Amino acid sequence: MKPYAGKTLNNCRRIFNYRLSRARRTIENAFGIMATRFRIFRRVLAASPHMASKIVLAACALHNFIKSEEAAMPPSARLYCPPGYADQGDAANGTWRDEPPSGGLMDLQRTSIPAQERFAKKVREDFESYFNNEGAVQWQNSVINQ
């Protein structure tokens, strides 16, 4: 999903862009950690799309299980995700980013299909509305107005 472009956006669109950025960073962080920890992601998955989906879901379940188990441990005992390994919000990159690229993830080719672009814009507008109405969080206005 693409953020809204431009520097003179209204507050609703700035909130959407900020929330999208946070979501992207969270997902990038989780998959970055998994790619450095699970060897299967160090190369292109030689699997059907259906099986690849199951592999990714299983890795996500294992990642979440290990993270929840480590949360009860003292920081010095955490091996999967020790202190500083994950990103620290918007403040600092995690050390997982210092590891060499795995080579398993490839850039996607850009395609332009008008019907899909219209659908994507509609989805973006729906999220913008959600983030500014029933999905609003207390801190979002103060963050974009800094």
N, C-alpha and C. Protein backbone atom coordinates (compact mmCIF):
# COMPACT_ATOMS: atom_id res chain seq x y z
N MET A 1 0.85 -1.17 0.00
CA MET A 1 0.00 0.00 0.00
C MET A 1 0.90 1.24 0.00
N LYS A 2 0.53 2.19 -0.81
CA LYS A 2 1.34 3.40 -0.93
C LYS A 2 0.82 4.50 -0.02
N PRO A 3 1.72 5.28 0.58
CA PRO A 3 1.27 6.44 1.35
C PRO A 3 0.81 7.54 0.40
N TYR A 4 0.09 8.50 0.96
CA TYR A 4 -0.28 9.67 0.17
C TYR A 4 0.98 10.50 -0.09
N ALA A 5 1.11 10.99 -1.30
CA ALA A 5 2.28 11.78 -1.67
C ALA A 5 2.03 13.25 -1.38
N GLY A 6 3.10 14.01 -1.24
CA GLY A 6 2.99 15.45 -1.08
C GLY A 6 3.35 15.91 0.31
N LYS A 7 3.64 17.20 0.41
CA LYS A 7 4.03 17.80 1.69
C LYS A 7 2.89 18.58 2.34
N THR A 8 1.88 18.92 1.57
CA THR A 8 0.78 19.72 2.11
C THR A 8 -0.47 18.86 2.25
N LEU A 9 -0.36 17.79 3.03
CA LEU A 9 -1.49 16.88 3.24
C LEU A 9 -2.33 17.38 4.41
N ASN A 10 -3.62 17.07 4.36
CA ASN A 10 -4.47 17.38 5.50
C ASN A 10 -4.16 16.40 6.63
N ASN A 11 -4.65 16.68 7.83
CA ASN A 11 -4.33 15.87 9.00
C ASN A 11 -4.77 14.43 8.84
N CYS A 12 -5.91 14.19 8.20
CA CYS A 12 -6.39 12.81 8.02
C CYS A 12 -5.40 12.00 7.21
N ARG A 13 -4.88 12.58 6.15
CA ARG A 13 -3.92 11.87 5.30
C ARG A 13 -2.56 11.75 5.99
N ARG A 14 -2.17 12.73 6.78
CA ARG A 14 -0.91 12.63 7.52
C ARG A 14 -1.00 11.52 8.56
N ILE A 15 -2.15 11.40 9.21
CA ILE A 15 -2.36 10.32 10.18
C ILE A 15 -2.28 8.98 9.47
N PHE A 16 -2.95 8.85 8.33
CA PHE A 16 -2.89 7.60 7.57
C PHE A 16 -1.43 7.27 7.24
N ASN A 17 -0.68 8.22 6.70
CA ASN A 17 0.71 7.97 6.33
C ASN A 17 1.54 7.53 7.54
N TYR A 18 1.32 8.17 8.68
CA TYR A 18 2.07 7.80 9.88
C TYR A 18 1.72 6.39 10.34
N ARG A 19 0.43 6.07 10.37
CA ARG A 19 0.01 4.74 10.82
C ARG A 19 0.48 3.67 9.85
N LEU A 20 0.46 3.95 8.54
CA LEU A 20 0.97 3.01 7.55
C LEU A 20 2.47 2.79 7.75
N SER A 21 3.18 3.87 8.02
CA SER A 21 4.62 3.78 8.24
C SER A 21 4.93 2.91 9.46
N ARG A 22 4.19 3.09 10.54
CA ARG A 22 4.37 2.26 11.74
C ARG A 22 4.10 0.80 11.46
N ALA A 23 3.03 0.53 10.71
CA ALA A 23 2.69 -0.86 10.39
C ALA A 23 3.77 -1.49 9.53
N ARG A 24 4.25 -0.75 8.53
CA ARG A 24 5.31 -1.26 7.66
C ARG A 24 6.57 -1.58 8.46
N ARG A 25 6.92 -0.69 9.36
CA ARG A 25 8.13 -0.89 10.15
C ARG A 25 7.99 -2.10 11.07
N THR A 26 6.83 -2.30 11.64
CA THR A 26 6.59 -3.45 12.50
C THR A 26 6.70 -4.75 11.72
N ILE A 27 6.10 -4.79 10.54
CA ILE A 27 6.15 -5.99 9.70
C ILE A 27 7.57 -6.22 9.20
N GLU A 28 8.24 -5.17 8.77
CA GLU A 28 9.63 -5.30 8.31
C GLU A 28 10.52 -5.82 9.43
N ASN A 29 10.30 -5.36 10.64
CA ASN A 29 11.07 -5.79 11.79
C ASN A 29 10.84 -7.28 12.06
N ALA A 30 9.58 -7.70 12.08
CA ALA A 30 9.27 -9.12 12.35
C ALA A 30 9.85 -10.02 11.27
N PHE A 31 9.66 -9.67 10.01
CA PHE A 31 10.19 -10.52 8.94
C PHE A 31 11.71 -10.44 8.87
N GLY A 32 12.28 -9.32 9.21
CA GLY A 32 13.74 -9.22 9.24
C GLY A 32 14.32 -10.13 10.30
N ILE A 33 13.72 -10.15 11.47
CA ILE A 33 14.18 -11.04 12.53
C ILE A 33 14.01 -12.49 12.09
N MET A 34 12.84 -12.82 11.54
CA MET A 34 12.61 -14.20 11.11
C MET A 34 13.58 -14.61 10.00
N ALA A 35 13.88 -13.71 9.08
CA ALA A 35 14.80 -14.05 7.99
C ALA A 35 16.21 -14.30 8.50
N THR A 36 16.59 -13.65 9.61
CA THR A 36 17.92 -13.90 10.16
C THR A 36 17.94 -15.13 11.06
N ARG A 37 16.78 -15.54 11.57
CA ARG A 37 16.72 -16.68 12.50
C ARG A 37 16.32 -18.00 11.84
N PHE A 38 15.46 -17.95 10.83
CA PHE A 38 14.98 -19.17 10.18
C PHE A 38 15.66 -19.31 8.83
N ARG A 39 16.45 -20.34 8.69
CA ARG A 39 17.27 -20.52 7.50
C ARG A 39 16.47 -20.65 6.21
N ILE A 40 15.23 -21.09 6.30
CA ILE A 40 14.44 -21.28 5.10
C ILE A 40 14.25 -19.97 4.33
N PHE A 41 14.34 -18.84 5.04
CA PHE A 41 14.16 -17.54 4.38
C PHE A 41 15.46 -16.97 3.83
N ARG A 42 16.53 -17.74 3.88
CA ARG A 42 17.82 -17.28 3.35
C ARG A 42 17.98 -17.58 1.86
N ARG A 43 16.96 -18.19 1.29
CA ARG A 43 16.97 -18.47 -0.14
C ARG A 43 15.53 -18.38 -0.65
N VAL A 44 15.39 -18.43 -1.94
CA VAL A 44 14.05 -18.40 -2.53
C VAL A 44 13.32 -19.68 -2.12
N LEU A 45 12.06 -19.54 -1.69
CA LEU A 45 11.29 -20.71 -1.29
C LEU A 45 10.97 -21.55 -2.52
N ALA A 46 11.41 -22.79 -2.52
CA ALA A 46 11.11 -23.71 -3.62
C ALA A 46 9.85 -24.47 -3.24
N ALA A 47 8.74 -23.78 -3.30
CA ALA A 47 7.46 -24.36 -2.88
C ALA A 47 6.34 -23.72 -3.69
N SER A 48 5.23 -24.41 -3.74
CA SER A 48 4.05 -23.85 -4.40
C SER A 48 3.57 -22.65 -3.59
N PRO A 49 2.81 -21.75 -4.19
CA PRO A 49 2.29 -20.60 -3.42
C PRO A 49 1.50 -21.05 -2.18
N HIS A 50 0.74 -22.12 -2.31
CA HIS A 50 -0.04 -22.61 -1.16
C HIS A 50 0.88 -23.07 -0.03
N MET A 51 1.91 -23.85 -0.38
CA MET A 51 2.85 -24.33 0.64
C MET A 51 3.70 -23.19 1.19
N ALA A 52 4.10 -22.24 0.33
CA ALA A 52 4.88 -21.09 0.80
C ALA A 52 4.07 -20.30 1.83
N SER A 53 2.78 -20.17 1.58
CA SER A 53 1.92 -19.47 2.54
C SER A 53 1.91 -20.19 3.88
N LYS A 54 1.84 -21.52 3.85
CA LYS A 54 1.86 -22.30 5.09
C LYS A 54 3.20 -22.16 5.81
N ILE A 55 4.29 -22.12 5.06
CA ILE A 55 5.62 -21.96 5.65
C ILE A 55 5.72 -20.62 6.36
N VAL A 56 5.26 -19.57 5.71
CA VAL A 56 5.30 -18.23 6.31
C VAL A 56 4.42 -18.17 7.56
N LEU A 57 3.22 -18.73 7.48
CA LEU A 57 2.33 -18.73 8.64
C LEU A 57 2.94 -19.51 9.81
N ALA A 58 3.58 -20.66 9.51
CA ALA A 58 4.22 -21.44 10.57
C ALA A 58 5.36 -20.65 11.19
N ALA A 59 6.15 -19.97 10.37
CA ALA A 59 7.26 -19.15 10.89
C ALA A 59 6.73 -18.02 11.76
N CYS A 60 5.62 -17.40 11.33
CA CYS A 60 5.03 -16.33 12.14
C CYS A 60 4.56 -16.86 13.49
N ALA A 61 3.93 -18.04 13.49
CA ALA A 61 3.46 -18.64 14.74
C ALA A 61 4.64 -18.96 15.66
N LEU A 62 5.71 -19.53 15.10
CA LEU A 62 6.89 -19.82 15.90
C LEU A 62 7.53 -18.54 16.45
N HIS A 63 7.64 -17.52 15.58
CA HIS A 63 8.20 -16.23 15.99
C HIS A 63 7.41 -15.67 17.17
N ASN A 64 6.08 -15.63 17.03
CA ASN A 64 5.23 -15.07 18.09
C ASN A 64 5.33 -15.89 19.37
N PHE A 65 5.38 -17.23 19.25
CA PHE A 65 5.51 -18.09 20.42
C PHE A 65 6.83 -17.83 21.14
N ILE A 66 7.91 -17.81 20.39
CA ILE A 66 9.22 -17.59 21.01
C ILE A 66 9.29 -16.21 21.66
N LYS A 67 8.79 -15.19 20.96
CA LYS A 67 8.79 -13.84 21.53
C LYS A 67 7.97 -13.80 22.82
N SER A 68 6.82 -14.45 22.86
CA SER A 68 6.00 -14.42 24.08
C SER A 68 6.67 -15.19 25.21
N GLU A 69 7.35 -16.29 24.89
CA GLU A 69 8.07 -17.05 25.92
C GLU A 69 9.26 -16.24 26.44
N GLU A 70 9.97 -15.56 25.55
CA GLU A 70 11.12 -14.76 25.97
C GLU A 70 10.72 -13.55 26.80
N ALA A 71 9.50 -13.08 26.62
CA ALA A 71 9.05 -11.89 27.36
C ALA A 71 9.08 -12.13 28.87
N ALA A 72 8.93 -13.40 29.28
CA ALA A 72 8.95 -13.72 30.71
C ALA A 72 10.37 -13.89 31.24
N MET A 73 11.36 -13.90 30.36
CA MET A 73 12.76 -14.10 30.78
C MET A 73 13.42 -12.76 31.07
N PRO A 74 14.47 -12.79 31.89
CA PRO A 74 15.24 -11.56 32.04
C PRO A 74 15.93 -11.24 30.71
N PRO A 75 16.08 -9.97 30.36
CA PRO A 75 16.67 -9.60 29.07
C PRO A 75 18.00 -10.30 28.77
N SER A 76 18.83 -10.50 29.76
CA SER A 76 20.14 -11.12 29.53
C SER A 76 20.04 -12.58 29.10
N ALA A 77 18.89 -13.23 29.32
CA ALA A 77 18.72 -14.64 28.98
C ALA A 77 18.06 -14.84 27.61
N ARG A 78 17.66 -13.77 26.97
CA ARG A 78 16.96 -13.89 25.69
C ARG A 78 17.95 -14.15 24.56
N LEU A 79 17.75 -15.23 23.84
CA LEU A 79 18.64 -15.60 22.74
C LEU A 79 18.03 -15.32 21.37
N TYR A 80 16.74 -15.52 21.22
CA TYR A 80 16.10 -15.32 19.92
C TYR A 80 16.08 -13.85 19.54
N CYS A 81 15.71 -13.03 20.50
CA CYS A 81 15.63 -11.59 20.24
C CYS A 81 16.17 -10.85 21.47
N PRO A 82 17.51 -10.81 21.60
CA PRO A 82 18.11 -10.14 22.77
C PRO A 82 17.88 -8.62 22.72
N PRO A 83 18.12 -7.94 23.82
CA PRO A 83 17.93 -6.48 23.85
C PRO A 83 18.70 -5.80 22.71
N GLY A 84 18.03 -4.89 22.02
CA GLY A 84 18.64 -4.15 20.92
C GLY A 84 18.58 -4.86 19.58
N TYR A 85 18.14 -6.12 19.55
CA TYR A 85 18.09 -6.87 18.29
C TYR A 85 16.94 -6.37 17.41
N ALA A 86 15.81 -6.04 18.03
CA ALA A 86 14.65 -5.53 17.31
C ALA A 86 14.70 -4.01 17.25
N ASP A 87 14.00 -3.42 16.29
CA ASP A 87 13.89 -1.97 16.22
C ASP A 87 13.25 -1.44 17.49
N GLN A 88 13.64 -0.24 17.89
CA GLN A 88 13.09 0.41 19.07
C GLN A 88 12.18 1.55 18.63
N GLY A 89 10.98 1.23 18.17
CA GLY A 89 10.05 2.24 17.69
C GLY A 89 10.66 3.01 16.53
N ASP A 90 10.48 4.31 16.55
CA ASP A 90 11.05 5.17 15.50
C ASP A 90 12.46 5.63 15.86
N ALA A 91 12.93 5.24 17.06
CA ALA A 91 14.17 5.81 17.58
C ALA A 91 15.43 5.15 17.05
N ALA A 92 15.48 3.82 17.04
CA ALA A 92 16.74 3.15 16.70
C ALA A 92 16.48 1.86 15.95
N ASN A 93 17.33 1.58 14.98
CA ASN A 93 17.26 0.33 14.25
C ASN A 93 17.81 -0.79 15.10
N GLY A 94 17.22 -1.98 14.94
CA GLY A 94 17.71 -3.15 15.64
C GLY A 94 18.97 -3.70 14.98
N THR A 95 19.72 -4.47 15.75
CA THR A 95 20.97 -5.01 15.21
C THR A 95 20.75 -6.09 14.16
N TRP A 96 19.52 -6.64 14.05
CA TRP A 96 19.27 -7.61 12.99
C TRP A 96 19.54 -6.99 11.62
N ARG A 97 19.40 -5.66 11.51
CA ARG A 97 19.62 -4.98 10.23
C ARG A 97 21.10 -4.96 9.83
N ASP A 98 22.00 -5.24 10.79
CA ASP A 98 23.43 -5.25 10.50
C ASP A 98 23.90 -6.56 9.89
N GLU A 99 23.05 -7.59 9.95
CA GLU A 99 23.45 -8.88 9.40
C GLU A 99 23.37 -8.85 7.88
N PRO A 100 24.20 -9.64 7.19
CA PRO A 100 24.19 -9.61 5.73
C PRO A 100 22.85 -10.04 5.18
N PRO A 101 22.45 -9.49 4.02
CA PRO A 101 21.16 -9.86 3.43
C PRO A 101 21.09 -11.36 3.17
N SER A 102 19.90 -11.89 3.32
CA SER A 102 19.74 -13.34 3.20
C SER A 102 19.72 -13.79 1.75
N GLY A 103 19.33 -12.95 0.83
CA GLY A 103 19.27 -13.33 -0.57
C GLY A 103 17.99 -14.05 -0.94
N GLY A 104 17.14 -14.36 0.04
CA GLY A 104 15.91 -15.08 -0.25
C GLY A 104 14.76 -14.20 -0.69
N LEU A 105 14.79 -12.93 -0.33
CA LEU A 105 13.71 -12.03 -0.70
C LEU A 105 14.10 -11.27 -1.95
N MET A 106 13.18 -11.21 -2.89
CA MET A 106 13.45 -10.53 -4.16
C MET A 106 12.52 -9.32 -4.29
N ASP A 107 12.97 -8.33 -5.04
CA ASP A 107 12.13 -7.19 -5.34
C ASP A 107 11.00 -7.62 -6.26
N LEU A 108 9.82 -7.07 -6.02
CA LEU A 108 8.68 -7.37 -6.89
C LEU A 108 8.70 -6.43 -8.08
N GLN A 109 8.24 -6.93 -9.19
CA GLN A 109 8.12 -6.10 -10.38
C GLN A 109 6.85 -5.26 -10.28
N ARG A 110 6.94 -4.01 -10.66
CA ARG A 110 5.78 -3.12 -10.63
C ARG A 110 4.87 -3.46 -11.80
N THR A 111 3.61 -3.61 -11.50
CA THR A 111 2.62 -3.83 -12.56
C THR A 111 1.60 -2.71 -12.47
N SER A 112 1.02 -2.42 -13.58
CA SER A 112 0.02 -1.35 -13.62
C SER A 112 -1.25 -1.90 -14.26
N ILE A 113 -2.23 -2.19 -13.42
CA ILE A 113 -3.53 -2.66 -13.89
C ILE A 113 -4.56 -1.70 -13.33
N PRO A 114 -5.20 -0.91 -14.20
CA PRO A 114 -6.10 0.15 -13.73
C PRO A 114 -7.14 -0.30 -12.71
N ALA A 115 -7.77 -1.45 -12.90
CA ALA A 115 -8.79 -1.90 -11.95
C ALA A 115 -8.18 -2.16 -10.58
N GLN A 116 -6.99 -2.74 -10.56
CA GLN A 116 -6.33 -3.00 -9.28
C GLN A 116 -5.90 -1.71 -8.61
N GLU A 117 -5.45 -0.75 -9.40
CA GLU A 117 -5.05 0.54 -8.83
C GLU A 117 -6.25 1.25 -8.20
N ARG A 118 -7.41 1.21 -8.87
CA ARG A 118 -8.61 1.82 -8.30
C ARG A 118 -9.00 1.12 -7.00
N PHE A 119 -8.92 -0.21 -6.99
CA PHE A 119 -9.24 -0.97 -5.79
C PHE A 119 -8.28 -0.61 -4.65
N ALA A 120 -6.98 -0.53 -4.96
CA ALA A 120 -5.98 -0.18 -3.95
C ALA A 120 -6.24 1.21 -3.38
N LYS A 121 -6.60 2.17 -4.22
CA LYS A 121 -6.91 3.52 -3.73
C LYS A 121 -8.13 3.51 -2.83
N LYS A 122 -9.12 2.69 -3.17
CA LYS A 122 -10.33 2.59 -2.34
C LYS A 122 -9.99 1.99 -0.99
N VAL A 123 -9.15 0.96 -0.97
CA VAL A 123 -8.73 0.34 0.29
C VAL A 123 -7.97 1.37 1.14
N ARG A 124 -7.08 2.15 0.50
CA ARG A 124 -6.33 3.18 1.22
C ARG A 124 -7.29 4.20 1.83
N GLU A 125 -8.28 4.63 1.06
CA GLU A 125 -9.26 5.60 1.58
C GLU A 125 -10.06 5.01 2.74
N ASP A 126 -10.40 3.72 2.65
CA ASP A 126 -11.13 3.07 3.75
C ASP A 126 -10.28 3.04 5.02
N PHE A 127 -8.99 2.72 4.89
CA PHE A 127 -8.10 2.74 6.05
C PHE A 127 -7.95 4.15 6.60
N GLU A 128 -7.84 5.12 5.72
CA GLU A 128 -7.74 6.52 6.17
C GLU A 128 -8.96 6.88 7.02
N SER A 129 -10.13 6.52 6.54
CA SER A 129 -11.36 6.79 7.28
C SER A 129 -11.36 6.07 8.63
N TYR A 130 -10.95 4.81 8.62
CA TYR A 130 -10.92 4.02 9.86
C TYR A 130 -9.95 4.63 10.87
N PHE A 131 -8.74 4.97 10.43
CA PHE A 131 -7.74 5.53 11.34
C PHE A 131 -8.16 6.87 11.92
N ASN A 132 -9.05 7.56 11.25
CA ASN A 132 -9.48 8.88 11.72
C ASN A 132 -10.84 8.86 12.40
N ASN A 133 -11.46 7.69 12.49
CA ASN A 133 -12.76 7.58 13.14
C ASN A 133 -12.72 6.49 14.20
N GLU A 134 -13.36 5.35 13.96
CA GLU A 134 -13.45 4.33 14.99
C GLU A 134 -12.10 3.70 15.34
N GLY A 135 -11.13 3.76 14.46
CA GLY A 135 -9.81 3.19 14.74
C GLY A 135 -8.79 4.21 15.24
N ALA A 136 -9.23 5.40 15.55
CA ALA A 136 -8.31 6.44 16.02
C ALA A 136 -7.73 6.05 17.39
N VAL A 137 -6.49 6.43 17.61
CA VAL A 137 -5.84 6.21 18.91
C VAL A 137 -5.49 7.58 19.50
N GLN A 138 -5.40 7.63 20.81
CA GLN A 138 -5.25 8.91 21.51
C GLN A 138 -4.03 9.71 21.07
N TRP A 139 -2.93 9.07 20.79
CA TRP A 139 -1.66 9.74 20.55
C TRP A 139 -1.45 10.19 19.11
N GLN A 140 -2.27 9.76 18.17
CA GLN A 140 -1.95 9.99 16.76
C GLN A 140 -1.92 11.48 16.37
N ASN A 141 -2.80 12.30 16.91
CA ASN A 141 -2.78 13.71 16.54
C ASN A 141 -1.56 14.42 17.08
N SER A 142 -1.13 14.07 18.30
CA SER A 142 0.06 14.73 18.86
C SER A 142 1.32 14.33 18.09
N VAL A 143 1.37 13.11 17.57
CA VAL A 143 2.56 12.66 16.86
C VAL A 143 2.71 13.38 15.52
N ILE A 144 1.63 13.56 14.80
CA ILE A 144 1.76 14.20 13.48
C ILE A 144 1.91 15.71 13.60
N ASN A 145 1.60 16.28 14.75
CA ASN A 145 1.71 17.73 14.91
C ASN A 145 3.00 18.14 15.62
N GLN A 146 3.99 17.27 15.66
CA GLN A 146 5.26 17.61 16.31
C GLN A 146 6.10 18.46 15.42
